[in-house]
C-alpha atoms as a PDB file:
ATOM      1  CA  MET A   1      24.431  22.245   0.858  1.00  0.00           C
ATOM      2  CA  ALA A   2      26.191  18.819   1.277  1.00  0.00           C
ATOM      3  CA  LYS A   3      29.709  17.686   1.370  1.00  0.00           C
ATOM      4  CA  PHE A   4      31.001  14.176   0.321  1.00  0.00           C
ATOM      5  CA  TYR A   5      33.821  12.435   2.057  1.00  0.00           C
ATOM      6  CA  GLY A   6      35.821   9.444   0.880  1.00  0.00           C
ATOM      7  CA  GLY A   7      37.316   8.540  -2.421  1.00  0.00           C
ATOM      8  CA  GLY A   8      40.513  10.508  -1.623  1.00  0.00           C
ATOM      9  CA  VAL A   9      38.734  13.764  -1.625  1.00  0.00           C
ATOM     10  CA  ASN A  10      38.363  15.471   1.828  1.00  0.00           C
ATOM     11  CA  SER A  11      37.548  19.080   2.125  1.00  0.00           C
ATOM     12  CA  ILE A  12      36.767  20.107   5.669  1.00  0.00           C
ATOM     13  CA  THR A  13      36.220  23.722   6.822  1.00  0.00           C
ATOM     14  CA  ALA A  14      34.899  25.051  10.139  1.00  0.00           C
ATOM     15  CA  PRO A  15      32.613  27.851   9.698  1.00  0.00           C
ATOM     16  CA  PHE A  16      32.184  28.517  13.416  1.00  0.00           C
ATOM     17  CA  ALA A  17      34.088  28.105  16.600  1.00  0.00           C
ATOM     18  CA  ASN A  18      34.654  24.613  17.928  1.00  0.00           C
ATOM     19  CA  GLU A  19      31.878  22.864  19.953  1.00  0.00           C
ATOM     20  CA  PRO A  20      32.635  21.064  23.175  1.00  0.00           C
ATOM     21  CA  SER A  21      31.107  17.772  22.170  1.00  0.00           C
ATOM     22  CA  PHE A  22      29.436  15.618  19.685  1.00  0.00           C
ATOM     23  CA  ILE A  23      26.905  12.664  19.310  1.00  0.00           C
ATOM     24  CA  THR A  24      27.751   9.533  17.505  1.00  0.00           C
ATOM     25  CA  GLU A  25      25.117   6.812  16.623  1.00  0.00           C
ATOM     26  CA  LYS A  26      25.056   3.611  14.575  1.00  0.00           C
ATOM     27  CA  VAL A  27      21.916   2.799  12.404  1.00  0.00           C
ATOM     28  CA  THR A  28      21.469  -0.493  10.653  1.00  0.00           C
ATOM     29  CA  VAL A  29      19.498  -1.521   7.544  1.00  0.00           C
ATOM     30  CA  VAL A  30      18.365  -4.854   8.774  1.00  0.00           C
ATOM     31  CA  THR A  31      16.414  -5.817   5.653  1.00  0.00           C
ATOM     32  CA  ALA A  32      17.832  -4.656   2.162  1.00  0.00           C
ATOM     33  CA  GLY A  33      15.048  -2.849   0.342  1.00  0.00           C
ATOM     34  CA  THR A  34      13.227  -1.652   3.433  1.00  0.00           C
ATOM     35  CA  PRO A  35      14.321   2.086   3.967  1.00  0.00           C
ATOM     36  CA  VAL A  36      15.019   3.180   7.572  1.00  0.00           C
ATOM     37  CA  ASN A  37      14.488   6.664   8.905  1.00  0.00           C
ATOM     38  CA  LEU A  38      17.314   8.084  10.839  1.00  0.00           C
ATOM     39  CA  PRO A  39      16.535   8.882  14.457  1.00  0.00           C
ATOM     40  CA  SER A  40      15.700  12.344  15.815  1.00  0.00           C
ATOM     41  CA  ILE A  41      18.710  14.168  16.455  1.00  0.00           C
ATOM     42  CA  LEU A  42      18.674  18.025  16.417  1.00  0.00           C
ATOM     43  CA  ILE A  43      21.442  19.520  14.306  1.00  0.00           C
ATOM     44  CA  PRO A  44      22.682  22.974  15.621  1.00  0.00           C
ATOM     45  CA  ASP A  45      22.634  25.909  13.189  1.00  0.00           C
ATOM     46  CA  GLY A  46      25.869  25.868  10.987  1.00  0.00           C
ATOM     47  CA  ARG A  47      26.612  22.301  11.658  1.00  0.00           C
ATOM     48  CA  GLU A  48      26.137  19.084   9.703  1.00  0.00           C
ATOM     49  CA  LEU A  49      24.967  15.654  10.057  1.00  0.00           C
ATOM     50  CA  THR A  50      27.791  13.508   8.744  1.00  0.00           C
ATOM     51  CA  ILE A  51      26.700  10.022   7.497  1.00  0.00           C
ATOM     52  CA  ARG A  52      29.236   7.463   6.808  1.00  0.00           C
ATOM     53  CA  ALA A  53      28.770   3.876   5.564  1.00  0.00           C
ATOM     54  CA  LYS A  54      30.771   1.608   7.833  1.00  0.00           C
ATOM     55  CA  VAL A  55      34.045   0.067   6.575  1.00  0.00           C
ATOM     56  CA  SER A  56      32.874  -3.297   7.694  1.00  0.00           C
ATOM     57  CA  ASN A  57      30.021  -3.155   5.060  1.00  0.00           C
ATOM     58  CA  GLY A  58      32.630  -4.269   2.515  1.00  0.00           C
ATOM     59  CA  LYS A  59      31.505  -4.276  -1.105  1.00  0.00           C
ATOM     60  CA  LYS A  60      27.764  -3.526  -0.126  1.00  0.00           C
ATOM     61  CA  LEU A  61      26.196  -0.045  -0.825  1.00  0.00           C
ATOM     62  CA  ILE A  62      24.251   2.305   1.506  1.00  0.00           C
ATOM     63  CA  TYR A  63      21.583   4.561  -0.202  1.00  0.00           C
ATOM     64  CA  VAL A  64      20.823   8.023   1.269  1.00  0.00           C
ATOM     65  CA  ALA A  65      17.616   9.918   0.416  1.00  0.00           C
ATOM     66  CA  ASN A  66      15.159  12.524   1.557  1.00  0.00           C
ATOM     67  CA  SER A  67      12.214  10.111   1.802  1.00  0.00           C
ATOM     68  CA  SER A  68      11.324   6.476   2.176  1.00  0.00           C
ATOM     69  CA  ALA A  69      10.014   6.364  -1.479  1.00  0.00           C
ATOM     70  CA  ASN A  70      13.264   7.895  -2.848  1.00  0.00           C
ATOM     71  CA  ALA A  71      15.414   5.551  -0.934  1.00  0.00           C
ATOM     72  CA  LEU A  72      14.032   2.757  -3.232  1.00  0.00           C
ATOM     73  CA  LEU A  73      14.614   4.869  -6.480  1.00  0.00           C
ATOM     74  CA  ALA A  74      18.045   4.803  -7.984  1.00  0.00           C
ATOM     75  CA  ALA A  75      17.572   8.090  -9.664  1.00  0.00           C
ATOM     76  CA  SER A  76      16.479   9.914  -6.405  1.00  0.00           C
ATOM     77  CA  ARG A  77      19.143   8.559  -3.835  1.00  0.00           C
ATOM     78  CA  VAL A  78      22.989   8.897  -3.275  1.00  0.00           C
ATOM     79  CA  GLU A  79      25.191   5.679  -3.117  1.00  0.00           C
ATOM     80  CA  LEU A  80      27.874   5.422  -0.417  1.00  0.00           C
ATOM     81  CA  ALA A  81      30.295   2.628  -0.827  1.00  0.00           C
ATOM     82  CA  ALA A  82      32.056   1.442   2.546  1.00  0.00           C
ATOM     83  CA  GLY A  83      33.994   4.193   4.205  1.00  0.00           C
ATOM     84  CA  GLU A  84      32.341   6.926   2.203  1.00  0.00           C
ATOM     85  CA  GLY A  85      30.308   9.581   3.775  1.00  0.00           C
ATOM     86  CA  VAL A  86      28.251  12.702   3.103  1.00  0.00           C
ATOM     87  CA  GLY A  87      27.661  15.901   5.252  1.00  0.00           C
ATOM     88  CA  LEU A  88      24.198  17.315   5.187  1.00  0.00           C
ATOM     89  CA  PHE A  89      23.072  20.579   6.605  1.00  0.00           C
ATOM     90  CA  VAL A  90      19.611  19.604   7.756  1.00  0.00           C
ATOM     91  CA  THR A  91      17.826  20.565  10.915  1.00  0.00           C
ATOM     92  CA  ASN A  92      17.213  17.063  12.108  1.00  0.00           C
ATOM     93  CA  ALA A  93      18.674  13.750  11.220  1.00  0.00           C
ATOM     94  CA  ASN A  94      15.095  12.285  10.784  1.00  0.00           C
ATOM     95  CA  ALA A  95      14.903  14.186   7.456  1.00  0.00           C
ATOM     96  CA  VAL A  96      17.058  11.376   6.095  1.00  0.00           C
ATOM     97  CA  TRP A  97      16.220   7.889   4.988  1.00  0.00           C
ATOM     98  CA  ILE A  98      18.749   5.205   4.336  1.00  0.00           C
ATOM     99  CA  ASN A  99      18.562   1.838   2.497  1.00  0.00           C
ATOM    100  CA  SER A 100      21.073  -0.878   1.413  1.00  0.00           C
ATOM    101  CA  ASN A 101      21.603  -3.421  -1.336  1.00  0.00           C
ATOM    102  CA  ALA A 102      22.312  -6.066   1.475  1.00  0.00           C
ATOM    103  CA  ASN A 103      20.934  -7.017   4.809  1.00  0.00           C
ATOM    104  CA  ASN A 104      22.419  -5.836   8.034  1.00  0.00           C
ATOM    105  CA  GLN A 105      24.422  -2.871   6.679  1.00  0.00           C
ATOM    106  CA  ASP A 106      25.444  -0.036   8.847  1.00  0.00           C
ATOM    107  CA  VAL A 107      25.890   3.682   8.792  1.00  0.00           C
ATOM    108  CA  GLU A 108      27.673   5.832  11.474  1.00  0.00           C
ATOM    109  CA  LEU A 109      26.212   9.230  12.277  1.00  0.00           C
ATOM    110  CA  LEU A 110      28.281  12.090  13.843  1.00  0.00           C
ATOM    111  CA  VAL A 111      26.879  15.461  14.991  1.00  0.00           C
ATOM    112  CA  GLU A 112      28.799  18.290  16.815  1.00  0.00           C
ATOM    113  CA  GLN A 113      26.859  19.695  19.908  1.00  0.00           C
ATOM    114  CA  PRO A 114      27.044  22.822  21.855  1.00  0.00           C
END
């Protein structure tokens, strides 16, 4: 299950009680065309990893995929414009790979923590 954020559509529901804390992290695609594996961050059951392309990316794109190879293939990845995001119910952030069509593009990660 995944949720997309941005583009004027925001649908947020809380399936469980509120958590007391959260983790944020910034990850940079230094070189366009060179996929980057997200860091190891455990995702609690029932919570999602939110990945958002930084607004400061301007008109550049971030690509999100489930492998390094898929981050290079247009048919196997999701494109995020600046300010757009996706929520993924994965067990660890390191299951995700990102790429970009320009150097030095950033994503922001957010995960609620018990």
